[in-house]
Amino acid sequence: MKKSYKSIILAIALMVSITGAFATSYTNSSKTQDPKYNWSRFDGNGNPLPPLINKTFAEAVAITGCNGSYHICASAFGGPTLRYS
């Protein structure tokens, strides 16, 4: 009888650990990613520059160097706007 209880306890422990591993894996894989946008870019005089395609806000800031409150530097279609400092 003791052997049966040990088997049941081991089976439950194994089941709990496997369930925990799958839950952790699922949680890590479903983290939200920053949305990506297509950006229109402008120079300091408002003239168009080549667009940024499929870039996040952070990527656009890194590429343009803009994150101020002056003239528009880049504008995402359906998203945020970057401005010159």
Protein backbone atom coordinates (compact mmCIF):
# COMPACT_ATOMS: atom_id res chain seq x y z
CA MET A 1 0.00 0.00 0.00
CA LYS A 2 2.84 2.42 0.74
CA LYS A 3 4.23 1.88 -2.73
CA SER A 4 0.87 2.90 -4.23
CA TYR A 5 0.83 6.19 -2.26
CA LYS A 6 4.37 6.98 -3.34
CA SER A 7 3.41 6.38 -6.97
CA ILE A 8 0.38 8.65 -6.65
CA ILE A 9 2.40 11.40 -4.97
CA LEU A 10 5.14 11.14 -7.61
CA ALA A 11 2.56 11.23 -10.40
CA ILE A 12 0.93 14.35 -8.91
CA ALA A 13 4.31 16.04 -8.44
CA LEU A 14 5.26 15.27 -12.04
CA MET A 15 1.92 16.56 -13.31
CA VAL A 16 2.27 19.80 -11.31
CA SER A 17 5.82 20.42 -12.54
CA ILE A 18 4.88 19.80 -16.19
CA THR A 19 1.85 22.08 -15.87
CA GLY A 20 4.04 24.78 -14.33
CA ALA A 21 6.57 24.46 -17.13
CA PHE A 22 3.88 24.81 -19.81
CA ALA A 23 2.32 27.80 -18.01
CA THR A 24 5.69 29.54 -17.79
CA SER A 25 6.44 28.82 -21.43
CA TYR A 26 3.04 30.14 -22.52
CA THR A 27 3.40 33.30 -20.42
CA ASN A 28 6.85 34.05 -21.83
CA SER A 29 5.75 33.47 -25.42
CA SER A 30 2.66 35.66 -25.21
CA LYS A 31 4.34 38.84 -24.00
CA THR A 32 3.05 41.81 -25.90
CA GLN A 33 5.43 43.36 -28.34
CA ASP A 34 5.61 47.03 -29.14
CA PRO A 35 3.49 47.89 -32.17
CA LYS A 36 5.31 48.60 -35.40
CA TYR A 37 4.38 51.46 -37.69
CA ASN A 38 5.24 52.90 -41.07
CA TRP A 39 6.67 56.37 -40.41
CA SER A 40 6.68 59.47 -42.63
CA ARG A 41 9.82 61.51 -41.93
CA PHE A 42 10.55 65.21 -42.34
CA ASP A 43 13.63 67.39 -42.04
CA GLY A 44 13.75 70.53 -39.88
CA ASN A 45 12.14 72.58 -42.68
CA GLY A 46 9.24 70.15 -43.16
CA ASN A 47 10.60 68.57 -46.35
CA PRO A 48 9.90 64.84 -46.70
CA LEU A 49 12.64 62.28 -46.09
CA PRO A 50 12.63 58.55 -46.92
CA PRO A 51 10.09 56.71 -44.74
CA LEU A 52 10.81 54.24 -41.95
CA ILE A 53 8.99 51.00 -42.64
CA ASN A 54 7.78 48.61 -39.91
CA LYS A 55 9.59 50.28 -36.97
CA THR A 56 8.59 50.58 -33.30
CA PHE A 57 8.51 53.91 -31.48
CA ALA A 58 11.87 53.14 -29.82
CA GLU A 59 13.44 52.17 -33.16
CA ALA A 60 12.16 55.36 -34.79
CA VAL A 61 13.57 57.50 -31.94
CA ALA A 62 16.93 55.71 -32.22
CA ILE A 63 17.08 56.22 -36.00
CA THR A 64 15.86 59.83 -36.12
CA GLY A 65 17.20 61.09 -32.81
CA CYS A 66 13.93 62.98 -32.34
CA ASN A 67 11.98 63.03 -29.11
CA GLY A 68 11.32 66.69 -28.45
CA SER A 69 8.37 69.06 -28.76
CA TYR A 70 9.25 71.31 -31.70
CA HIS A 71 8.57 70.67 -35.43
CA ILE A 72 7.38 67.26 -36.60
CA CYS A 73 10.26 64.90 -37.28
CA ALA A 74 8.33 61.69 -38.04
CA SER A 75 4.70 60.65 -37.94
CA ALA A 76 3.43 57.08 -37.76
CA PHE A 77 0.34 56.17 -39.75
CA GLY A 78 -2.26 55.51 -37.04
CA GLY A 79 0.30 56.00 -34.27
CA PRO A 80 2.52 58.48 -32.43
CA THR A 81 4.38 61.53 -33.71
CA LEU A 82 8.05 62.37 -33.10
CA ARG A 83 9.17 65.99 -32.87
CA TYR A 84 12.52 67.76 -33.04
CA SER A 85 14.01 69.08 -29.81
